[in-house]
Amino acid sequence: QVQLVESGGGLVQPGGSLRLSCAASGSIFRSYHMGWYRQAPGNKRELVAAIFSGGSTNYADSVKGRFTISRDNAKNTVYLQMNSLKPEDTAVYYCRANHVVATTIVYWGQGTQVPVSS
């Protein structure tokens, strides 16, 4: 069992920056690929960025060059650094963990709101 707790969301102006954190507990962090997803009102949940257990990363085209995902295995935490934020980045951001081997084992955090508005 893995518990995920996101933090760092909040109102930010266009062009601003924000760093989201997702703290994991309850299992071996290295055994999980980690990802950030987002869901805007009326839209489907979409992948923003992923970081695999070995450290490789993947980004949605819409955030490439602006967002950076990283993980600190010693702190059981994954981060999403968001720069040059746009109003279209407004969404609830969710952290996700899926097991490296048993790929059907997936956990989600409760989400954190990121409104981008002046």
C-alpha atoms as a PDB file:
ATOM      1  CA  GLN A   1       0.000   0.000   0.000  1.00  0.00           C
ATOM      2  CA  VAL A   2       1.240   3.492  -0.903  1.00  0.00           C
ATOM      3  CA  GLN A   3      -0.101   6.772   0.389  1.00  0.00           C
ATOM      4  CA  LEU A   4       0.540   9.871  -1.728  1.00  0.00           C
ATOM      5  CA  VAL A   5       0.161  13.412  -0.422  1.00  0.00           C
ATOM      6  CA  GLU A   6       0.528  16.353  -2.786  1.00  0.00           C
ATOM      7  CA  SER A   7       1.374  19.877  -1.706  1.00  0.00           C
ATOM      8  CA  GLY A   8       2.490  23.167  -3.205  1.00  0.00           C
ATOM      9  CA  GLY A   9      -0.562  24.130  -5.208  1.00  0.00           C
ATOM     10  CA  GLY A  10      -2.142  27.561  -5.142  1.00  0.00           C
ATOM     11  CA  LEU A  11      -3.023  30.629  -7.136  1.00  0.00           C
ATOM     12  CA  VAL A  12      -0.242  31.871  -9.422  1.00  0.00           C
ATOM     13  CA  GLN A  13      -0.120  34.607 -12.036  1.00  0.00           C
ATOM     14  CA  PRO A  14       0.584  33.884 -15.692  1.00  0.00           C
ATOM     15  CA  GLY A  15       4.324  33.666 -16.228  1.00  0.00           C
ATOM     16  CA  GLY A  16       4.894  32.633 -12.652  1.00  0.00           C
ATOM     17  CA  SER A  17       6.385  29.485 -11.155  1.00  0.00           C
ATOM     18  CA  LEU A  18       5.276  26.860  -8.698  1.00  0.00           C
ATOM     19  CA  ARG A  19       6.761  23.646  -7.354  1.00  0.00           C
ATOM     20  CA  LEU A  20       4.516  20.742  -6.485  1.00  0.00           C
ATOM     21  CA  SER A  21       5.622  17.980  -4.152  1.00  0.00           C
ATOM     22  CA  CYS A  22       4.265  14.492  -3.682  1.00  0.00           C
ATOM     23  CA  ALA A  23       5.352  12.605  -0.606  1.00  0.00           C
ATOM     24  CA  ALA A  24       4.959   8.834  -0.670  1.00  0.00           C
ATOM     25  CA  SER A  25       4.792   6.515   2.284  1.00  0.00           C
ATOM     26  CA  GLY A  26       4.038   2.911   2.979  1.00  0.00           C
ATOM     27  CA  SER A  27       6.178   1.055   0.490  1.00  0.00           C
ATOM     28  CA  ILE A  28       9.516   1.019  -1.297  1.00  0.00           C
ATOM     29  CA  PHE A  29       9.582   4.217  -3.316  1.00  0.00           C
ATOM     30  CA  ARG A  30      12.156   2.934  -5.798  1.00  0.00           C
ATOM     31  CA  SER A  31       9.739   0.191  -6.821  1.00  0.00           C
ATOM     32  CA  TYR A  32       7.419   2.720  -8.416  1.00  0.00           C
ATOM     33  CA  HIS A  33       7.350   4.814 -11.527  1.00  0.00           C
ATOM     34  CA  MET A  34       5.933   8.220 -10.609  1.00  0.00           C
ATOM     35  CA  GLY A  35       3.867  10.666 -12.588  1.00  0.00           C
ATOM     36  CA  TRP A  36       1.998  13.937 -12.449  1.00  0.00           C
ATOM     37  CA  TYR A  37      -1.397  14.189 -14.112  1.00  0.00           C
ATOM     38  CA  ARG A  38      -3.838  17.051 -14.319  1.00  0.00           C
ATOM     39  CA  GLN A  39      -7.520  17.496 -14.877  1.00  0.00           C
ATOM     40  CA  ALA A  40      -9.137  20.757 -15.883  1.00  0.00           C
ATOM     41  CA  PRO A  41     -12.904  21.279 -15.480  1.00  0.00           C
ATOM     42  CA  GLY A  42     -14.764  19.400 -18.195  1.00  0.00           C
ATOM     43  CA  ASN A  43     -11.623  17.657 -19.415  1.00  0.00           C
ATOM     44  CA  LYS A  44     -10.194  14.201 -19.049  1.00  0.00           C
ATOM     45  CA  ARG A  45      -7.275  13.588 -16.734  1.00  0.00           C
ATOM     46  CA  GLU A  46      -4.062  13.806 -18.742  1.00  0.00           C
ATOM     47  CA  LEU A  47      -0.433  12.937 -18.215  1.00  0.00           C
ATOM     48  CA  VAL A  48       1.794  15.935 -17.556  1.00  0.00           C
ATOM     49  CA  ALA A  49       5.115  14.287 -16.770  1.00  0.00           C
ATOM     50  CA  ALA A  50       6.486  10.937 -15.679  1.00  0.00           C
ATOM     51  CA  ILE A  51       9.711   9.809 -14.106  1.00  0.00           C
ATOM     52  CA  PHE A  52      10.612   6.161 -14.155  1.00  0.00           C
ATOM     53  CA  SER A  53      12.321   4.248 -11.410  1.00  0.00           C
ATOM     54  CA  GLY A  54      15.641   4.522 -13.249  1.00  0.00           C
ATOM     55  CA  GLY A  55      15.295   8.289 -13.586  1.00  0.00           C
ATOM     56  CA  SER A  56      14.304   8.724 -17.216  1.00  0.00           C
ATOM     57  CA  THR A  57      11.525  11.216 -17.866  1.00  0.00           C
ATOM     58  CA  ASN A  58       8.669  11.857 -20.248  1.00  0.00           C
ATOM     59  CA  TYR A  59       6.641  15.033 -20.785  1.00  0.00           C
ATOM     60  CA  ALA A  60       3.455  16.097 -22.478  1.00  0.00           C
ATOM     61  CA  ASP A  61       4.205  18.293 -25.480  1.00  0.00           C
ATOM     62  CA  SER A  62       2.280  21.163 -23.902  1.00  0.00           C
ATOM     63  CA  VAL A  63       4.703  21.434 -20.967  1.00  0.00           C
ATOM     64  CA  LYS A  64       8.045  20.541 -22.548  1.00  0.00           C
ATOM     65  CA  GLY A  65      10.641  23.174 -21.778  1.00  0.00           C
ATOM     66  CA  ARG A  66       8.530  24.675 -18.980  1.00  0.00           C
ATOM     67  CA  PHE A  67       7.997  21.853 -16.470  1.00  0.00           C
ATOM     68  CA  THR A  68      10.566  19.582 -14.858  1.00  0.00           C
ATOM     69  CA  ILE A  69       9.843  16.395 -12.958  1.00  0.00           C
ATOM     70  CA  SER A  70      12.331  14.991 -10.481  1.00  0.00           C
ATOM     71  CA  ARG A  71      12.435  12.499  -7.664  1.00  0.00           C
ATOM     72  CA  ASP A  72      14.376  12.165  -4.433  1.00  0.00           C
ATOM     73  CA  ASN A  73      14.368   8.504  -3.492  1.00  0.00           C
ATOM     74  CA  ALA A  74      15.953   9.258  -0.110  1.00  0.00           C
ATOM     75  CA  LYS A  75      12.981  11.479   0.754  1.00  0.00           C
ATOM     76  CA  ASN A  76      10.340   9.354  -1.016  1.00  0.00           C
ATOM     77  CA  THR A  77       9.239  12.460  -2.848  1.00  0.00           C
ATOM     78  CA  VAL A  78       8.571  13.446  -6.432  1.00  0.00           C
ATOM     79  CA  TYR A  79       8.514  17.070  -7.559  1.00  0.00           C
ATOM     80  CA  LEU A  80       7.069  19.031 -10.436  1.00  0.00           C
ATOM     81  CA  GLN A  81       8.739  22.366 -11.077  1.00  0.00           C
ATOM     82  CA  MET A  82       6.425  24.486 -13.199  1.00  0.00           C
ATOM     83  CA  ASN A  83       7.746  27.628 -14.867  1.00  0.00           C
ATOM     84  CA  SER A  84       6.222  30.117 -17.316  1.00  0.00           C
ATOM     85  CA  LEU A  85       2.760  29.075 -16.247  1.00  0.00           C
ATOM     86  CA  LYS A  86      -0.154  29.784 -18.554  1.00  0.00           C
ATOM     87  CA  PRO A  87      -3.882  30.072 -17.844  1.00  0.00           C
ATOM     88  CA  GLU A  88      -4.361  26.808 -19.737  1.00  0.00           C
ATOM     89  CA  ASP A  89      -2.243  25.070 -17.085  1.00  0.00           C
ATOM     90  CA  THR A  90      -5.084  25.647 -14.633  1.00  0.00           C
ATOM     91  CA  ALA A  91      -6.167  22.265 -13.280  1.00  0.00           C
ATOM     92  CA  VAL A  92      -6.143  19.938 -10.344  1.00  0.00           C
ATOM     93  CA  TYR A  93      -2.773  18.179 -10.351  1.00  0.00           C
ATOM     94  CA  TYR A  94      -2.560  14.584  -9.198  1.00  0.00           C
ATOM     95  CA  CYS A  95       0.391  12.434  -8.275  1.00  0.00           C
ATOM     96  CA  ARG A  96       0.376   8.813  -9.390  1.00  0.00           C
ATOM     97  CA  ALA A  97       2.517   5.817  -8.520  1.00  0.00           C
ATOM     98  CA  ASN A  98       2.547   2.574 -10.423  1.00  0.00           C
ATOM     99  CA  HIS A  99       4.556  -0.470  -9.520  1.00  0.00           C
ATOM    100  CA  VAL A 100       7.488  -1.257 -11.755  1.00  0.00           C
ATOM    101  CA  VAL A 101       6.775  -4.995 -11.969  1.00  0.00           C
ATOM    102  CA  ALA A 102       3.127  -5.432 -10.985  1.00  0.00           C
ATOM    103  CA  THR A 103       1.920  -2.757 -13.372  1.00  0.00           C
ATOM    104  CA  THR A 104      -1.734  -3.032 -12.383  1.00  0.00           C
ATOM    105  CA  ILE A 105      -0.884  -1.693  -8.930  1.00  0.00           C
ATOM    106  CA  VAL A 106      -1.591   2.031  -9.164  1.00  0.00           C
ATOM    107  CA  TYR A 107      -2.065   4.658  -6.484  1.00  0.00           C
ATOM    108  CA  TRP A 108      -3.284   8.251  -6.735  1.00  0.00           C
ATOM    109  CA  GLY A 109      -2.981  11.246  -4.492  1.00  0.00           C
ATOM    110  CA  GLN A 110      -5.904  13.449  -3.554  1.00  0.00           C
ATOM    111  CA  GLY A 111      -4.911  16.262  -5.905  1.00  0.00           C
ATOM    112  CA  THR A 112      -3.840  19.869  -5.472  1.00  0.00           C
ATOM    113  CA  GLN A 113      -5.392  22.852  -7.223  1.00  0.00           C
ATOM    114  CA  VAL A 114      -3.332  25.126  -9.438  1.00  0.00           C
ATOM    115  CA  PRO A 115      -5.278  28.139 -10.719  1.00  0.00           C
ATOM    116  CA  VAL A 116      -3.270  30.332 -13.093  1.00  0.00           C
ATOM    117  CA  SER A 117      -4.877  33.730 -13.279  1.00  0.00           C
ATOM    118  CA  SER A 118      -4.129  37.415 -12.999  1.00  0.00           C
END
